[in-house]
C-alpha atoms as a PDB file:
ATOM      1  CA  UNK A   1     -11.612   6.579  42.243  1.00  0.00           C
ATOM      2  CA  UNK A   2     -11.405   9.960  40.488  1.00  0.00           C
ATOM      3  CA  UNK A   3      -7.885   9.211  39.378  1.00  0.00           C
ATOM      4  CA  UNK A   4      -8.967   5.934  37.803  1.00  0.00           C
ATOM      5  CA  UNK A   5     -11.870   7.625  36.019  1.00  0.00           C
ATOM      6  CA  UNK A   6      -9.578  10.370  34.711  1.00  0.00           C
ATOM      7  CA  UNK A   7      -7.034   7.803  33.553  1.00  0.00           C
ATOM      8  CA  UNK A   8      -9.716   5.729  31.816  1.00  0.00           C
ATOM      9  CA  UNK A   9     -11.181   8.799  30.121  1.00  0.00           C
ATOM     10  CA  UNK A  10      -7.723   9.911  28.991  1.00  0.00           C
ATOM     11  CA  UNK A  11      -6.839   6.455  27.695  1.00  0.00           C
ATOM     12  CA  UNK A  12     -10.112   6.237  25.791  1.00  0.00           C
ATOM     13  CA  UNK A  13      -9.548   9.676  24.269  1.00  0.00           C
ATOM     14  CA  UNK A  14      -6.025   8.646  23.242  1.00  0.00           C
ATOM     15  CA  UNK A  15      -7.294   5.494  21.530  1.00  0.00           C
ATOM     16  CA  UNK A  16      -9.957   7.448  19.668  1.00  0.00           C
ATOM     17  CA  UNK A  17      -7.493  10.152  18.634  1.00  0.00           C
ATOM     18  CA  UNK A  18      -4.751   7.777  17.548  1.00  0.00           C
ATOM     19  CA  UNK A  19      -6.527   4.734  16.086  1.00  0.00           C
ATOM     20  CA  UNK A  20     -10.112   5.548  15.208  1.00  0.00           C
ATOM     21  CA  UNK A  21     -10.035   9.177  14.071  1.00  0.00           C
ATOM     22  CA  UNK A  22      -7.196   9.035  11.470  1.00  0.00           C
ATOM     23  CA  UNK A  23      -8.924   6.493   9.178  1.00  0.00           C
ATOM     24  CA  UNK A  24     -12.192   8.442   9.363  1.00  0.00           C
ATOM     25  CA  UNK A  25     -10.462  11.736   8.570  1.00  0.00           C
ATOM     26  CA  UNK A  26      -8.485  10.079   5.752  1.00  0.00           C
ATOM     27  CA  UNK A  27     -11.654   8.628   4.223  1.00  0.00           C
ATOM     28  CA  UNK A  28     -13.386  12.006   4.241  1.00  0.00           C
ATOM     29  CA  UNK A  29     -10.302  13.714   2.794  1.00  0.00           C
ATOM     30  CA  UNK A  30      -9.894  11.093   0.053  1.00  0.00           C
ATOM     31  CA  UNK A  31     -13.542  11.360  -0.942  1.00  0.00           C
ATOM     32  CA  UNK A  32     -13.328  15.155  -0.994  1.00  0.00           C
ATOM     33  CA  UNK A  33     -10.191  15.082  -3.153  1.00  0.00           C
ATOM     34  CA  UNK A  34     -11.858  12.823  -5.706  1.00  0.00           C
ATOM     35  CA  UNK A  35     -15.015  14.943  -5.670  1.00  0.00           C
ATOM     36  CA  UNK A  36     -12.803  17.946  -6.402  1.00  0.00           C
ATOM     37  CA  UNK A  37     -11.399  16.202  -9.483  1.00  0.00           C
ATOM     38  CA  UNK A  38      -8.227  14.521  -8.188  1.00  0.00           C
ATOM     39  CA  UNK A  39      -7.828  11.110  -9.790  1.00  0.00           C
ATOM     40  CA  UNK A  40      -7.278   8.526  -7.013  1.00  0.00           C
ATOM     41  CA  UNK A  41      -5.335   6.354  -9.442  1.00  0.00           C
ATOM     42  CA  UNK A  42      -2.667   9.071  -9.543  1.00  0.00           C
ATOM     43  CA  UNK A  43      -2.083   8.548  -5.815  1.00  0.00           C
ATOM     44  CA  UNK A  44      -1.708   4.810  -6.318  1.00  0.00           C
ATOM     45  CA  UNK A  45       0.746   5.435  -9.168  1.00  0.00           C
ATOM     46  CA  UNK A  46       2.735   7.792  -6.914  1.00  0.00           C
ATOM     47  CA  UNK A  47       2.954   4.979  -4.348  1.00  0.00           C
ATOM     48  CA  UNK A  48       4.308   2.766  -7.128  1.00  0.00           C
ATOM     49  CA  UNK A  49       7.067   5.299  -7.893  1.00  0.00           C
ATOM     50  CA  UNK A  50       8.085   5.539  -4.238  1.00  0.00           C
ATOM     51  CA  UNK A  51       8.109   1.744  -3.834  1.00  0.00           C
ATOM     52  CA  UNK A  52      10.211   1.251  -6.974  1.00  0.00           C
ATOM     53  CA  UNK A  53      12.593   3.991  -5.848  1.00  0.00           C
ATOM     54  CA  UNK A  54      13.124   2.242  -2.516  1.00  0.00           C
ATOM     55  CA  UNK A  55      13.773  -1.016  -4.362  1.00  0.00           C
ATOM     56  CA  UNK A  56      16.260   0.695  -6.678  1.00  0.00           C
ATOM     57  CA  UNK A  57      18.157   1.937  -3.633  1.00  0.00           C
ATOM     58  CA  UNK A  58      18.039  -1.538  -2.082  1.00  0.00           C
ATOM     59  CA  UNK A  59      19.335  -3.293  -5.177  1.00  0.00           C
ATOM     60  CA  UNK A  60      22.191  -0.820  -5.628  1.00  0.00           C
ATOM     61  CA  UNK A  61      23.315  -0.925  -1.996  1.00  0.00           C
ATOM     62  CA  UNK A  62      26.661  -2.583  -1.250  1.00  0.00           C
ATOM     63  CA  UNK A  63      26.680  -5.869   0.665  1.00  0.00           C
ATOM     64  CA  UNK A  64      28.272  -4.204   3.717  1.00  0.00           C
ATOM     65  CA  UNK A  65      25.507  -1.556   4.000  1.00  0.00           C
ATOM     66  CA  UNK A  66      23.627  -3.583   6.607  1.00  0.00           C
ATOM     67  CA  UNK A  67      22.087  -0.601   8.398  1.00  0.00           C
ATOM     68  CA  UNK A  68      20.973   1.064   5.141  1.00  0.00           C
ATOM     69  CA  UNK A  69      19.485  -2.171   3.827  1.00  0.00           C
ATOM     70  CA  UNK A  70      17.631  -2.742   7.071  1.00  0.00           C
ATOM     71  CA  UNK A  71      16.186   0.779   7.069  1.00  0.00           C
ATOM     72  CA  UNK A  72      15.231   0.633   3.392  1.00  0.00           C
ATOM     73  CA  UNK A  73      13.557  -2.742   3.885  1.00  0.00           C
ATOM     74  CA  UNK A  74      11.521  -1.430   6.829  1.00  0.00           C
ATOM     75  CA  UNK A  75      10.439   1.631   4.847  1.00  0.00           C
ATOM     76  CA  UNK A  76       9.551  -0.542   1.850  1.00  0.00           C
ATOM     77  CA  UNK A  77       7.620  -3.005   3.979  1.00  0.00           C
ATOM     78  CA  UNK A  78       5.572  -0.246   5.629  1.00  0.00           C
ATOM     79  CA  UNK A  79       4.803   1.564   2.360  1.00  0.00           C
ATOM     80  CA  UNK A  80       4.087  -1.616   0.413  1.00  0.00           C
ATOM     81  CA  UNK A  81       1.869  -3.022   3.176  1.00  0.00           C
ATOM     82  CA  UNK A  82      -0.337   0.080   3.339  1.00  0.00           C
ATOM     83  CA  UNK A  83      -0.569   0.231  -0.447  1.00  0.00           C
ATOM     84  CA  UNK A  84      -1.354  -3.476  -0.777  1.00  0.00           C
ATOM     85  CA  UNK A  85      -4.081  -3.379   1.875  1.00  0.00           C
ATOM     86  CA  UNK A  86      -5.713  -0.442   0.097  1.00  0.00           C
ATOM     87  CA  UNK A  87      -5.642  -2.270  -3.217  1.00  0.00           C
ATOM     88  CA  UNK A  88      -6.745  -5.622  -1.803  1.00  0.00           C
ATOM     89  CA  UNK A  89      -9.602  -4.212   0.274  1.00  0.00           C
ATOM     90  CA  UNK A  90     -10.877  -1.466  -2.031  1.00  0.00           C
ATOM     91  CA  UNK A  91      -9.489  -1.431  -5.585  1.00  0.00           C
ATOM     92  CA  UNK A  92      -9.399  -5.142  -6.423  1.00  0.00           C
ATOM     93  CA  UNK A  93     -12.965  -5.855  -5.264  1.00  0.00           C
ATOM     94  CA  UNK A  94     -14.121  -3.011  -7.535  1.00  0.00           C
ATOM     95  CA  UNK A  95     -12.008  -4.342 -10.399  1.00  0.00           C
ATOM     96  CA  UNK A  96     -13.589  -7.755  -9.875  1.00  0.00           C
ATOM     97  CA  UNK A  97     -17.174  -6.613  -9.385  1.00  0.00           C
ATOM     98  CA  UNK A  98     -17.539  -3.445 -11.442  1.00  0.00           C
ATOM     99  CA  UNK A  99     -15.028  -4.016 -14.256  1.00  0.00           C
ATOM    100  CA  UNK A 100     -15.694  -7.788 -14.353  1.00  0.00           C
ATOM    101  CA  UNK A 101     -11.971  -8.546 -14.469  1.00  0.00           C
ATOM    102  CA  UNK A 102     -12.066 -11.718 -12.395  1.00  0.00           C
ATOM    103  CA  UNK A 103      -8.914 -13.330 -13.832  1.00  0.00           C
ATOM    104  CA  UNK A 104      -6.851 -10.139 -13.626  1.00  0.00           C
ATOM    105  CA  UNK A 105      -8.014  -9.566 -10.059  1.00  0.00           C
ATOM    106  CA  UNK A 106      -7.019 -13.047  -8.921  1.00  0.00           C
ATOM    107  CA  UNK A 107      -3.645 -12.665 -10.635  1.00  0.00           C
ATOM    108  CA  UNK A 108      -3.024  -9.344  -8.858  1.00  0.00           C
ATOM    109  CA  UNK A 109      -3.902 -10.878  -5.471  1.00  0.00           C
ATOM    110  CA  UNK A 110      -1.535 -13.752  -6.251  1.00  0.00           C
ATOM    111  CA  UNK A 111       1.301 -11.369  -7.056  1.00  0.00           C
ATOM    112  CA  UNK A 112       0.751  -9.553  -3.762  1.00  0.00           C
ATOM    113  CA  UNK A 113       1.186 -12.901  -1.964  1.00  0.00           C
ATOM    114  CA  UNK A 114       4.393 -13.523  -3.899  1.00  0.00           C
ATOM    115  CA  UNK A 115       5.683 -10.071  -2.929  1.00  0.00           C
ATOM    116  CA  UNK A 116       5.045 -10.842   0.739  1.00  0.00           C
ATOM    117  CA  UNK A 117       7.088 -14.030   0.466  1.00  0.00           C
ATOM    118  CA  UNK A 118       9.994 -12.086  -1.032  1.00  0.00           C
ATOM    119  CA  UNK A 119       9.750  -9.534   1.781  1.00  0.00           C
ATOM    120  CA  UNK A 120       9.805 -12.330   4.356  1.00  0.00           C
ATOM    121  CA  UNK A 121      12.911 -13.839   2.734  1.00  0.00           C
ATOM    122  CA  UNK A 122      14.670 -10.455   2.695  1.00  0.00           C
ATOM    123  CA  UNK A 123      13.779  -9.867   6.314  1.00  0.00           C
ATOM    124  CA  UNK A 124      15.051 -13.271   7.458  1.00  0.00           C
ATOM    125  CA  UNK A 125      18.276 -13.256   5.461  1.00  0.00           C
ATOM    126  CA  UNK A 126      21.367 -11.473   6.818  1.00  0.00           C
ATOM    127  CA  UNK A 127      21.534  -8.092   5.090  1.00  0.00           C
ATOM    128  CA  UNK A 128      25.199  -8.704   4.236  1.00  0.00           C
ATOM    129  CA  UNK A 129      24.438 -11.970   2.421  1.00  0.00           C
ATOM    130  CA  UNK A 130      25.424 -11.654  -1.270  1.00  0.00           C
ATOM    131  CA  UNK A 131      22.141 -13.395  -2.226  1.00  0.00           C
ATOM    132  CA  UNK A 132      20.164 -10.543  -0.629  1.00  0.00           C
ATOM    133  CA  UNK A 133      20.598  -8.298  -3.672  1.00  0.00           C
ATOM    134  CA  UNK A 134      19.313 -11.056  -5.985  1.00  0.00           C
ATOM    135  CA  UNK A 135      16.110 -11.487  -3.976  1.00  0.00           C
ATOM    136  CA  UNK A 136      15.654  -7.706  -3.827  1.00  0.00           C
ATOM    137  CA  UNK A 137      16.099  -7.600  -7.612  1.00  0.00           C
ATOM    138  CA  UNK A 138      13.541 -10.387  -8.097  1.00  0.00           C
ATOM    139  CA  UNK A 139      11.104  -8.430  -5.922  1.00  0.00           C
ATOM    140  CA  UNK A 140      11.775  -5.250  -7.882  1.00  0.00           C
ATOM    141  CA  UNK A 141      11.142  -7.052 -11.182  1.00  0.00           C
ATOM    142  CA  UNK A 142       7.934  -8.612  -9.844  1.00  0.00           C
ATOM    143  CA  UNK A 143       6.660  -5.258  -8.623  1.00  0.00           C
ATOM    144  CA  UNK A 144       7.640  -3.477 -11.845  1.00  0.00           C
ATOM    145  CA  UNK A 145       5.597  -5.968 -13.892  1.00  0.00           C
ATOM    146  CA  UNK A 146       2.707  -5.709 -11.445  1.00  0.00           C
ATOM    147  CA  UNK A 147       2.780  -1.905 -11.647  1.00  0.00           C
ATOM    148  CA  UNK A 148       2.763  -2.006 -15.449  1.00  0.00           C
ATOM    149  CA  UNK A 149      -0.293  -4.312 -15.453  1.00  0.00           C
ATOM    150  CA  UNK A 150      -2.163  -2.099 -13.012  1.00  0.00           C
ATOM    151  CA  UNK A 151      -1.308   1.252 -14.566  1.00  0.00           C
ATOM    152  CA  UNK A 152      -1.630   0.282 -18.230  1.00  0.00           C
ATOM    153  CA  UNK A 153      -4.479  -2.249 -18.115  1.00  0.00           C
ATOM    154  CA  UNK A 154      -6.446  -2.556 -14.897  1.00  0.00           C
ATOM    155  CA  UNK A 155      -6.628   1.014 -13.609  1.00  0.00           C
ATOM    156  CA  UNK A 156      -7.840   2.363 -16.979  1.00  0.00           C
ATOM    157  CA  UNK A 157     -10.510  -0.371 -17.131  1.00  0.00           C
ATOM    158  CA  UNK A 158     -11.699   0.467 -13.641  1.00  0.00           C
ATOM    159  CA  UNK A 159     -11.559   4.210 -14.250  1.00  0.00           C
ATOM    160  CA  UNK A 160     -13.804   3.718 -17.307  1.00  0.00           C
ATOM    161  CA  UNK A 161     -16.605   1.969 -15.376  1.00  0.00           C
ATOM    162  CA  UNK A 162     -16.702   4.051 -12.190  1.00  0.00           C
ATOM    163  CA  UNK A 163     -18.883   7.118 -12.018  1.00  0.00           C
ATOM    164  CA  UNK A 164     -17.864  10.193 -10.023  1.00  0.00           C
ATOM    165  CA  UNK A 165     -19.586   9.018  -6.834  1.00  0.00           C
ATOM    166  CA  UNK A 166     -17.983   5.559  -7.001  1.00  0.00           C
ATOM    167  CA  UNK A 167     -14.592   7.123  -7.709  1.00  0.00           C
ATOM    168  CA  UNK A 168     -14.968   9.361  -4.653  1.00  0.00           C
ATOM    169  CA  UNK A 169     -15.961   6.370  -2.528  1.00  0.00           C
ATOM    170  CA  UNK A 170     -12.983   4.396  -3.833  1.00  0.00           C
ATOM    171  CA  UNK A 171     -10.639   7.289  -3.097  1.00  0.00           C
ATOM    172  CA  UNK A 172     -11.965   7.603   0.436  1.00  0.00           C
ATOM    173  CA  UNK A 173     -11.659   3.859   0.974  1.00  0.00           C
ATOM    174  CA  UNK A 174      -8.065   3.793  -0.289  1.00  0.00           C
ATOM    175  CA  UNK A 175      -7.081   6.634   2.029  1.00  0.00           C
ATOM    176  CA  UNK A 176      -8.888   4.995   4.985  1.00  0.00           C
ATOM    177  CA  UNK A 177      -7.095   1.677   4.477  1.00  0.00           C
ATOM    178  CA  UNK A 178      -3.699   3.345   4.133  1.00  0.00           C
ATOM    179  CA  UNK A 179      -4.317   5.382   7.292  1.00  0.00           C
ATOM    180  CA  UNK A 180      -4.912   2.168   9.230  1.00  0.00           C
ATOM    181  CA  UNK A 181      -1.296   1.136   8.606  1.00  0.00           C
ATOM    182  CA  UNK A 182       0.659   4.360   8.167  1.00  0.00           C
END
């Protein structure tokens, strides 16, 4: 009986330490960073640079680089998923509600869905298929346009309407959502 209780306690502690605590710590850290003056939009823009860099490497890879393409696609999928969840669950609702950018918000959500379809196609297709590079290029172009819209239009609009407390809350929320997937 003691062994079962010890195992259960250990398992519960492991779940708390690995699944529950990281998002809470990330939210507190993100809020603290924004309160200290770090612009949370800079972190989102840095994600954009990393994502585009991965796509550049994917589109320039030779058709026979199956292992490299597979690894790059997995890294892209993980990074893009965490970033998209943070935007969809935190940033876009604020853009919709606080900046009153309903049409832009719906368009951004729609582009995220389109990106996921491209990722699915890349994942399903043999990495040596000559068409793979074309789909990766289409995805890169879609993301580049999406990034430009966010960084040049939507993020500045949202930044202009959020006060310091809301910005800190947004930053914490973004970090929490990313921690759930990374």
